[in-house]
């Protein structure tokens, strides 16, 4: 499996287990850790994995905290 440190929207949505539309909405709202580059969002794999575990990598709510309805 490819372990790129930065993921695009579709790759990150696959990791989180939600649609890219849901992930985009969460990124815009600050729910999921993301980096905005111009009009695009990029996601650090390590931060997403920490967020999924409930570690809330940089201020976003984890799914367990009510930050989303992906993997809880």
N, C-alpha and C. Protein backbone atom coordinates (compact mmCIF):
# COMPACT_ATOMS: atom_id res chain seq x y z
N UNK A 1 0.85 -1.18 0.00
CA UNK A 1 0.00 0.00 0.00
C UNK A 1 0.89 1.24 0.00
N UNK A 2 0.50 2.23 -0.79
CA UNK A 2 1.23 3.49 -0.88
C UNK A 2 1.03 4.28 0.40
N UNK A 3 2.12 4.78 0.99
CA UNK A 3 2.04 5.51 2.26
C UNK A 3 2.48 6.96 2.07
N UNK A 4 1.93 7.66 1.07
CA UNK A 4 2.28 9.05 0.83
C UNK A 4 1.91 9.89 2.06
N UNK A 5 2.78 10.84 2.45
CA UNK A 5 2.48 11.66 3.62
C UNK A 5 1.34 12.66 3.37
N UNK A 6 1.20 13.16 2.13
CA UNK A 6 0.13 14.09 1.81
C UNK A 6 -0.87 13.42 0.87
N UNK A 7 -2.13 13.56 1.16
CA UNK A 7 -3.17 12.93 0.38
C UNK A 7 -4.08 13.98 -0.23
N UNK A 8 -4.57 13.71 -1.43
CA UNK A 8 -5.58 14.53 -2.05
C UNK A 8 -6.96 14.20 -1.47
N UNK A 9 -7.96 14.90 -1.93
CA UNK A 9 -9.31 14.74 -1.40
C UNK A 9 -9.83 13.31 -1.54
N UNK A 10 -9.71 12.72 -2.73
CA UNK A 10 -10.25 11.38 -2.94
C UNK A 10 -9.52 10.33 -2.13
N UNK A 11 -8.18 10.43 -2.07
CA UNK A 11 -7.40 9.48 -1.28
C UNK A 11 -7.75 9.60 0.21
N UNK A 12 -7.84 10.82 0.70
CA UNK A 12 -8.15 11.03 2.11
C UNK A 12 -9.56 10.56 2.44
N UNK A 13 -10.50 10.79 1.54
CA UNK A 13 -11.87 10.33 1.77
C UNK A 13 -11.91 8.81 1.89
N UNK A 14 -11.10 8.13 1.07
CA UNK A 14 -11.02 6.67 1.14
C UNK A 14 -10.46 6.23 2.50
N UNK A 15 -9.42 6.91 2.99
CA UNK A 15 -8.82 6.58 4.28
C UNK A 15 -9.84 6.76 5.40
N UNK A 16 -10.59 7.86 5.35
CA UNK A 16 -11.56 8.18 6.41
C UNK A 16 -12.82 7.32 6.29
N UNK A 17 -13.14 6.93 5.05
CA UNK A 17 -14.33 6.10 4.84
C UNK A 17 -15.60 6.89 4.60
N UNK A 18 -15.45 8.08 4.01
CA UNK A 18 -16.61 8.92 3.68
C UNK A 18 -16.46 9.39 2.23
N UNK A 19 -17.50 10.00 1.70
CA UNK A 19 -17.41 10.54 0.34
C UNK A 19 -16.51 11.78 0.33
N UNK A 20 -16.00 12.11 -0.86
CA UNK A 20 -15.15 13.31 -0.94
C UNK A 20 -15.95 14.57 -0.65
N UNK A 21 -17.25 14.54 -0.91
CA UNK A 21 -18.11 15.70 -0.60
C UNK A 21 -18.20 15.92 0.90
N UNK A 22 -18.36 14.83 1.65
CA UNK A 22 -18.43 14.94 3.10
C UNK A 22 -17.10 15.42 3.66
N UNK A 23 -16.01 14.85 3.17
CA UNK A 23 -14.70 15.26 3.66
C UNK A 23 -14.43 16.73 3.34
N UNK A 24 -14.83 17.19 2.18
CA UNK A 24 -14.65 18.60 1.82
C UNK A 24 -15.43 19.51 2.76
N UNK A 25 -16.65 19.12 3.06
CA UNK A 25 -17.48 19.89 3.99
C UNK A 25 -16.84 19.94 5.38
N UNK A 26 -16.34 18.79 5.84
CA UNK A 26 -15.67 18.75 7.14
C UNK A 26 -14.40 19.60 7.15
N UNK A 27 -13.63 19.55 6.04
CA UNK A 27 -12.40 20.34 5.96
C UNK A 27 -12.73 21.84 6.00
N UNK A 28 -13.74 22.25 5.24
CA UNK A 28 -14.13 23.67 5.24
C UNK A 28 -14.58 24.13 6.61
N UNK A 29 -15.22 23.24 7.37
CA UNK A 29 -15.73 23.58 8.69
C UNK A 29 -14.67 23.45 9.79
N UNK A 30 -13.51 22.90 9.44
CA UNK A 30 -12.46 22.72 10.43
C UNK A 30 -12.65 21.49 11.31
N UNK A 31 -13.51 20.59 10.89
CA UNK A 31 -13.78 19.38 11.67
C UNK A 31 -12.65 18.37 11.55
N UNK A 32 -12.09 18.25 10.36
CA UNK A 32 -11.03 17.30 10.08
C UNK A 32 -9.75 18.08 9.78
N UNK A 33 -8.57 17.60 10.24
CA UNK A 33 -7.33 18.34 9.97
C UNK A 33 -6.99 18.35 8.49
N UNK A 34 -6.80 19.53 7.94
CA UNK A 34 -6.51 19.69 6.51
C UNK A 34 -5.64 20.91 6.30
N UNK A 35 -4.95 20.93 5.18
CA UNK A 35 -4.14 22.08 4.77
C UNK A 35 -4.75 22.60 3.48
N UNK A 36 -5.03 23.89 3.44
CA UNK A 36 -5.60 24.47 2.23
C UNK A 36 -4.47 25.05 1.39
N UNK A 37 -4.43 24.64 0.13
CA UNK A 37 -3.45 25.17 -0.82
C UNK A 37 -4.25 25.72 -1.99
N UNK A 38 -4.37 27.04 -2.03
CA UNK A 38 -5.25 27.65 -3.03
C UNK A 38 -6.69 27.24 -2.76
N UNK A 39 -7.30 26.63 -3.75
CA UNK A 39 -8.68 26.18 -3.60
C UNK A 39 -8.78 24.70 -3.21
N UNK A 40 -7.63 24.04 -3.10
CA UNK A 40 -7.61 22.62 -2.80
C UNK A 40 -7.29 22.35 -1.34
N UNK A 41 -7.77 21.22 -0.86
CA UNK A 41 -7.40 20.74 0.46
C UNK A 41 -6.46 19.56 0.30
N UNK A 42 -5.43 19.54 1.12
CA UNK A 42 -4.54 18.39 1.22
C UNK A 42 -4.61 17.90 2.66
N UNK A 43 -4.34 16.63 2.84
CA UNK A 43 -4.48 16.01 4.15
C UNK A 43 -3.20 15.26 4.48
N UNK A 44 -2.67 15.49 5.67
CA UNK A 44 -1.50 14.74 6.13
C UNK A 44 -1.98 13.40 6.67
N UNK A 45 -1.44 12.33 6.10
CA UNK A 45 -1.89 10.99 6.49
C UNK A 45 -1.81 10.79 8.01
N UNK A 46 -0.70 11.18 8.62
CA UNK A 46 -0.51 10.97 10.05
C UNK A 46 -1.57 11.72 10.86
N UNK A 47 -1.92 12.93 10.44
CA UNK A 47 -2.94 13.70 11.15
C UNK A 47 -4.32 13.06 11.00
N UNK A 48 -4.62 12.59 9.79
CA UNK A 48 -5.90 11.90 9.58
C UNK A 48 -6.00 10.65 10.44
N UNK A 49 -4.92 9.87 10.47
CA UNK A 49 -4.94 8.64 11.27
C UNK A 49 -5.09 8.95 12.75
N UNK A 50 -4.42 10.00 13.24
CA UNK A 50 -4.57 10.41 14.64
C UNK A 50 -5.99 10.89 14.91
N UNK A 51 -6.56 11.63 13.97
CA UNK A 51 -7.93 12.12 14.11
C UNK A 51 -8.91 10.96 14.18
N UNK A 52 -8.69 9.95 13.35
CA UNK A 52 -9.57 8.78 13.36
C UNK A 52 -9.47 8.02 14.67
N UNK A 53 -8.29 8.00 15.27
CA UNK A 53 -8.10 7.32 16.56
C UNK A 53 -8.65 8.15 17.71
N UNK A 54 -9.04 9.38 17.44
CA UNK A 54 -9.56 10.24 18.50
C UNK A 54 -8.53 11.19 19.04
N UNK A 55 -7.36 11.28 18.38
CA UNK A 55 -6.29 12.13 18.86
C UNK A 55 -6.43 13.58 18.46
N UNK A 56 -7.39 13.90 17.59
CA UNK A 56 -7.66 15.27 17.19
C UNK A 56 -6.39 16.05 16.86
N UNK A 57 -5.73 15.70 15.79
CA UNK A 57 -4.39 16.14 15.44
C UNK A 57 -4.16 17.64 15.44
N UNK A 58 -5.06 18.45 14.92
CA UNK A 58 -4.85 19.89 15.10
C UNK A 58 -6.16 20.64 15.26
N UNK A 59 -6.85 20.27 16.33
CA UNK A 59 -8.01 21.04 16.73
C UNK A 59 -9.33 20.55 16.21
N UNK A 60 -9.37 19.76 15.16
CA UNK A 60 -10.63 19.26 14.66
C UNK A 60 -11.21 18.22 15.60
N UNK A 61 -12.52 18.08 15.57
CA UNK A 61 -13.14 17.07 16.39
C UNK A 61 -12.95 15.71 15.76
N UNK A 62 -12.75 14.71 16.59
CA UNK A 62 -12.65 13.35 16.06
C UNK A 62 -14.06 12.82 15.83
N UNK A 63 -14.21 11.75 15.08
CA UNK A 63 -15.54 11.18 14.89
C UNK A 63 -16.18 10.80 16.21
N UNK A 64 -15.38 10.38 17.19
CA UNK A 64 -15.92 9.99 18.48
C UNK A 64 -16.46 11.19 19.26
N UNK A 65 -15.97 12.39 18.95
CA UNK A 65 -16.40 13.61 19.62
C UNK A 65 -17.61 14.25 18.93
N UNK A 66 -18.16 13.56 17.95
CA UNK A 66 -19.28 14.14 17.23
C UNK A 66 -18.85 14.95 16.04
N UNK A 67 -17.59 14.83 15.62
CA UNK A 67 -17.07 15.60 14.52
C UNK A 67 -17.43 15.02 13.17
N UNK A 68 -18.16 13.98 13.15
CA UNK A 68 -18.54 13.40 11.87
C UNK A 68 -19.22 12.07 12.07
N UNK A 69 -19.66 11.52 10.99
CA UNK A 69 -20.37 10.27 11.06
C UNK A 69 -19.66 9.19 10.26
N UNK A 70 -18.36 9.35 10.07
CA UNK A 70 -17.56 8.35 9.36
C UNK A 70 -17.36 7.15 10.25
N UNK A 71 -16.13 6.75 10.43
CA UNK A 71 -15.83 5.63 11.30
C UNK A 71 -15.82 6.11 12.73
N UNK A 72 -16.65 5.51 13.55
CA UNK A 72 -16.71 5.93 14.95
C UNK A 72 -16.26 4.84 15.86
